[in-house]
Each structure stands twice: as structure tokens, then as C-alpha cells.
Protein backbone atom coordinates (compact mmCIF):
# COMPACT_ATOMS: atom_id res chain seq x y z
CA UNK A 1 -29.99 -12.30 10.13
CA UNK A 2 -31.01 -9.46 7.88
CA UNK A 3 -34.48 -9.30 6.41
CA UNK A 4 -33.76 -9.72 2.77
CA UNK A 5 -37.28 -9.38 1.68
CA UNK A 6 -37.24 -5.92 2.88
CA UNK A 7 -34.48 -5.12 0.49
CA UNK A 8 -36.49 -5.90 -2.62
CA UNK A 9 -38.71 -3.05 -3.56
CA UNK A 10 -41.80 -2.90 -5.88
CA UNK A 11 -41.54 -0.46 -8.75
CA UNK A 12 -44.86 0.02 -10.52
CA UNK A 13 -45.28 0.50 -14.21
CA UNK A 14 -41.89 -0.87 -15.07
CA UNK A 15 -40.60 -1.71 -17.70
CA UNK A 16 -44.18 -0.97 -19.01
CA UNK A 17 -47.57 0.15 -17.59
CA UNK A 18 -49.31 -2.38 -15.45
CA UNK A 19 -46.04 -4.43 -14.49
CA UNK A 20 -44.82 -4.30 -10.90
CA UNK A 21 -41.15 -4.72 -11.09
CA UNK A 22 -39.21 -6.46 -8.31
CA UNK A 23 -36.08 -4.45 -7.78
CA UNK A 24 -33.16 -6.15 -5.97
CA UNK A 25 -30.76 -3.08 -6.35
CA UNK A 26 -31.47 -2.06 -2.77
CA UNK A 27 -30.12 -5.69 -1.56
CA UNK A 28 -27.25 -5.36 -4.10
CA UNK A 29 -26.29 -2.05 -2.54
CA UNK A 30 -26.05 -3.40 1.02
CA UNK A 31 -22.87 -5.52 1.41
CA UNK A 32 -24.10 -7.46 4.27
CA UNK A 33 -27.62 -8.40 2.66
CA UNK A 34 -25.61 -9.38 -0.46
CA UNK A 35 -23.22 -11.52 1.36
CA UNK A 36 -25.93 -13.00 3.48
CA UNK A 37 -27.99 -13.88 0.23
CA UNK A 38 -24.96 -15.61 -1.30
CA UNK A 39 -24.31 -17.55 1.74
CA UNK A 40 -27.84 -18.74 2.08
CA UNK A 41 -28.09 -19.70 -1.60
CA UNK A 42 -25.12 -21.70 -1.25
CA UNK A 43 -26.50 -23.70 1.61
CA UNK A 44 -29.46 -24.51 -0.63
CA UNK A 45 -27.54 -27.02 -3.05
CA UNK A 46 -24.44 -29.25 -3.15
CA UNK A 47 -21.36 -27.74 -4.38
CA UNK A 48 -21.07 -28.29 -7.96
CA UNK A 49 -18.02 -28.57 -10.48
CA UNK A 50 -19.25 -25.26 -12.13
CA UNK A 51 -21.44 -22.38 -11.99
CA UNK A 52 -23.47 -21.15 -14.87
CA UNK A 53 -24.71 -17.57 -14.48
CA UNK A 54 -27.14 -15.83 -16.57
CA UNK A 55 -26.56 -12.42 -17.91
CA UNK A 56 -26.58 -9.91 -16.21
CA UNK A 57 -27.83 -9.84 -12.51
CA UNK A 58 -27.15 -13.70 -12.27
CA UNK A 59 -23.52 -12.85 -12.67
CA UNK A 60 -23.43 -11.07 -9.29
CA UNK A 61 -24.79 -14.15 -7.39
CA UNK A 62 -23.06 -16.76 -9.82
CA UNK A 63 -19.49 -15.02 -9.16
CA UNK A 64 -20.10 -14.87 -5.49
CA UNK A 65 -21.28 -18.48 -5.32
CA UNK A 66 -18.40 -19.70 -7.79
CA UNK A 67 -15.78 -17.92 -5.44
CA UNK A 68 -17.35 -19.54 -2.28
CA UNK A 69 -17.29 -23.08 -3.78
CA UNK A 70 -14.00 -22.50 -5.55
CA UNK A 71 -15.38 -23.78 -8.79
CA UNK A 72 -15.28 -22.27 -12.36
CA UNK A 73 -17.70 -19.31 -13.23
CA UNK A 74 -19.19 -19.79 -16.65
CA UNK A 75 -21.18 -16.85 -18.08
CA UNK A 76 -24.25 -17.20 -20.18
CA UNK A 77 -24.33 -14.35 -22.39
CA UNK A 78 -26.82 -12.70 -24.78
CA UNK A 79 -25.96 -13.32 -28.54
CA UNK A 80 -22.84 -11.91 -29.86
CA UNK A 81 -21.19 -11.00 -26.58
CA UNK A 82 -18.69 -13.99 -26.32
CA UNK A 83 -15.75 -14.19 -28.40
CA UNK A 84 -14.65 -17.43 -30.04
CA UNK A 85 -16.46 -20.55 -30.71
CA UNK A 86 -20.02 -20.69 -28.99
CA UNK A 87 -23.13 -22.76 -28.65
CA UNK A 88 -26.42 -21.07 -28.95
CA UNK A 89 -29.97 -21.39 -27.44
CA UNK A 90 -32.92 -19.55 -28.96
CA UNK A 91 -35.82 -19.13 -26.70
CA UNK A 92 -38.97 -17.30 -26.62
CA UNK A 93 -39.92 -14.11 -24.86
CA UNK A 94 -43.33 -12.53 -24.41
CA UNK A 95 -43.07 -10.43 -27.57
CA UNK A 96 -40.37 -12.39 -29.74
CA UNK A 97 -37.19 -14.25 -29.34
CA UNK A 98 -33.67 -13.87 -27.77
CA UNK A 99 -30.60 -16.07 -27.78
CA UNK A 100 -28.38 -17.14 -25.05
CA UNK A 101 -24.61 -18.29 -25.67
CA UNK A 102 -21.93 -20.36 -23.84
CA UNK A 103 -18.42 -20.74 -24.92
CA UNK A 104 -18.19 -24.23 -26.65
CA UNK A 105 -15.44 -25.40 -24.24
CA UNK A 106 -17.03 -24.09 -21.24
CA UNK A 107 -18.57 -27.19 -19.79
CA UNK A 108 -16.96 -30.66 -20.02
CA UNK A 109 -19.14 -33.80 -20.58
CA UNK A 110 -20.54 -35.05 -17.32
CA UNK A 111 -19.45 -31.77 -15.41
CA UNK A 112 -21.98 -31.16 -12.46
CA UNK A 113 -23.39 -27.67 -13.13
CA UNK A 114 -25.53 -25.38 -10.94
CA UNK A 115 -27.33 -22.80 -13.18
CA UNK A 116 -27.87 -19.33 -11.22
CA UNK A 117 -29.94 -16.21 -11.84
CA UNK A 118 -31.26 -13.47 -9.72
CA UNK A 119 -35.00 -14.07 -10.50
CA UNK A 120 -37.35 -16.95 -11.69
CA UNK A 121 -40.53 -15.66 -13.45
CA UNK A 122 -41.64 -17.78 -16.41
CA UNK A 123 -38.46 -19.72 -16.51
CA UNK A 124 -37.77 -19.29 -20.13
CA UNK A 125 -34.18 -17.94 -19.85
CA UNK A 126 -33.31 -20.68 -17.38
CA UNK A 127 -34.64 -23.27 -19.72
CA UNK A 128 -32.41 -21.77 -22.44
CA UNK A 129 -29.28 -21.89 -20.19
CA UNK A 130 -30.28 -25.53 -19.40
CA UNK A 131 -30.36 -26.15 -23.10
CA UNK A 132 -26.82 -24.89 -23.56
CA UNK A 133 -25.40 -27.07 -20.68
CA UNK A 134 -27.06 -29.97 -22.25
CA UNK A 135 -25.69 -29.32 -25.54
CA UNK A 136 -22.30 -29.58 -23.92
CA UNK A 137 -23.30 -32.74 -22.20
CA UNK A 138 -23.11 -31.07 -18.74
CA UNK A 139 -25.36 -32.49 -15.81
CA UNK A 140 -27.56 -29.83 -14.42
CA UNK A 141 -27.55 -30.56 -10.59
CA UNK A 142 -29.77 -27.45 -9.76
CA UNK A 143 -31.12 -24.31 -10.76
CA UNK A 144 -30.73 -21.63 -8.03
CA UNK A 145 -32.45 -18.14 -7.92
CA UNK A 146 -32.45 -15.30 -5.39
CA UNK A 147 -36.27 -14.70 -5.85
CA UNK A 148 -38.83 -16.76 -7.42
CA UNK A 149 -42.14 -14.89 -8.55
CA UNK A 150 -44.89 -17.41 -7.82
CA UNK A 151 -47.82 -17.91 -10.08
CA UNK A 152 -45.89 -17.23 -13.39
CA UNK A 153 -45.36 -20.95 -13.99
CA UNK A 154 -41.47 -20.86 -13.88
CA UNK A 155 -41.07 -23.87 -11.45
CA UNK A 156 -43.41 -25.72 -13.25
CA UNK A 157 -41.79 -24.98 -16.71
CA UNK A 158 -38.45 -26.16 -15.10
CA UNK A 159 -40.10 -29.28 -13.41
CA UNK A 160 -37.35 -31.67 -14.71
CA UNK A 161 -34.74 -29.99 -12.83
CA UNK A 162 -34.28 -29.29 -8.96
CA UNK A 163 -35.12 -25.65 -8.58
CA UNK A 164 -34.24 -23.52 -5.26
CA UNK A 165 -35.07 -20.07 -4.62
CA UNK A 166 -33.87 -18.09 -1.65
CA UNK A 167 -37.00 -15.98 -1.48
CA UNK A 168 -40.43 -16.65 -2.84
CA UNK A 169 -42.66 -13.65 -3.66
CA UNK A 170 -46.11 -13.33 -4.93
CA UNK A 171 -46.80 -11.44 -8.28
CA UNK A 172 -48.11 -8.11 -7.11
CA UNK A 173 -51.32 -7.12 -8.79
CA UNK A 174 -51.54 -3.29 -9.70
CA UNK A 175 -54.35 -1.72 -7.82
């Protein structure tokens, strides 16, 4: 078993001064670590009927999980990136708003869904993805993340859903 934590590096002052960014690209660049992370994430939840993955790094883990489980991959994309009829969910960011979309026919009523992303911080984006699935009357079986940043309130914000994270990391305070 590889040490997955060792493949996540801290990048100070990114994307702005005072933030310590958790960079997963070293893990993504290691095929064995990536495969292990997807396998271990798959063990955390029951096999769903579809995987909804959040743009963009959630696509990496979501696609791997959908292939492993042999279920449809459903991309949750930023506004204006999906052709055809969509449903939208506006959500708050630290400084403003953003919008996620799903294809309107991506989830069937009652379909069991796992929502996947790389990182859980405040939970706003995952909550928006949940809103989309619920608009389409899907059943959210779990929310699944590679990393949870503890202390930012994400798990508490998503308390009405089962939340699983492969790795839990403390928010690093910049010295």
C-alpha cells in the first residue's frame, strides 16, 4: 500500500496570499497511487446506479469509479459547458456566485447516485451538485471525496447526506 498522503503537497500562497493549497497533481501523476486511490474510494460506498462527478478534478476520480462499477458517468459542469437541455444550480462562493449544470436527462427518477469530487472544503459545490441530482429526482446514496479538509465546515454543511473521504487533512495555517 502506497502512502497517498505523501503524494499531496502543500503550495503556499495559492491561489492567493495566505492560502495553503493542497495539490493532488503528484498523486495524479503516479499511476499506482491513482489506481489505489480509486480502488480505496470504491470500497467506501455501495455500488450506485450512476456517478455524478464535479468538474474538473472530480472527473478523474468519477470516471475511474464509474468504470470500476460499470455504471454511467454524469459530468456536473460549469455553466454553459454542456450542450442541449440542462438543469442549473446557482451556489455561493467566498466572493460571488457560480453555477453548475447537469443534462436534464442524465439522472432518472429514483436512480441511486454517488456524487464524487477530489476535495471537500466548505461543501458548497457538492451541495450544488446534490441540488441538481434532487431536481432530477435522483437518490443521493453518498458523497465521496479523495480529500476532506477538516475544520472548514464541509461535512457539517452536507450533514443530510452520507459523506466519505479517503483522506482527512487539517487545514494548514501559514506560518
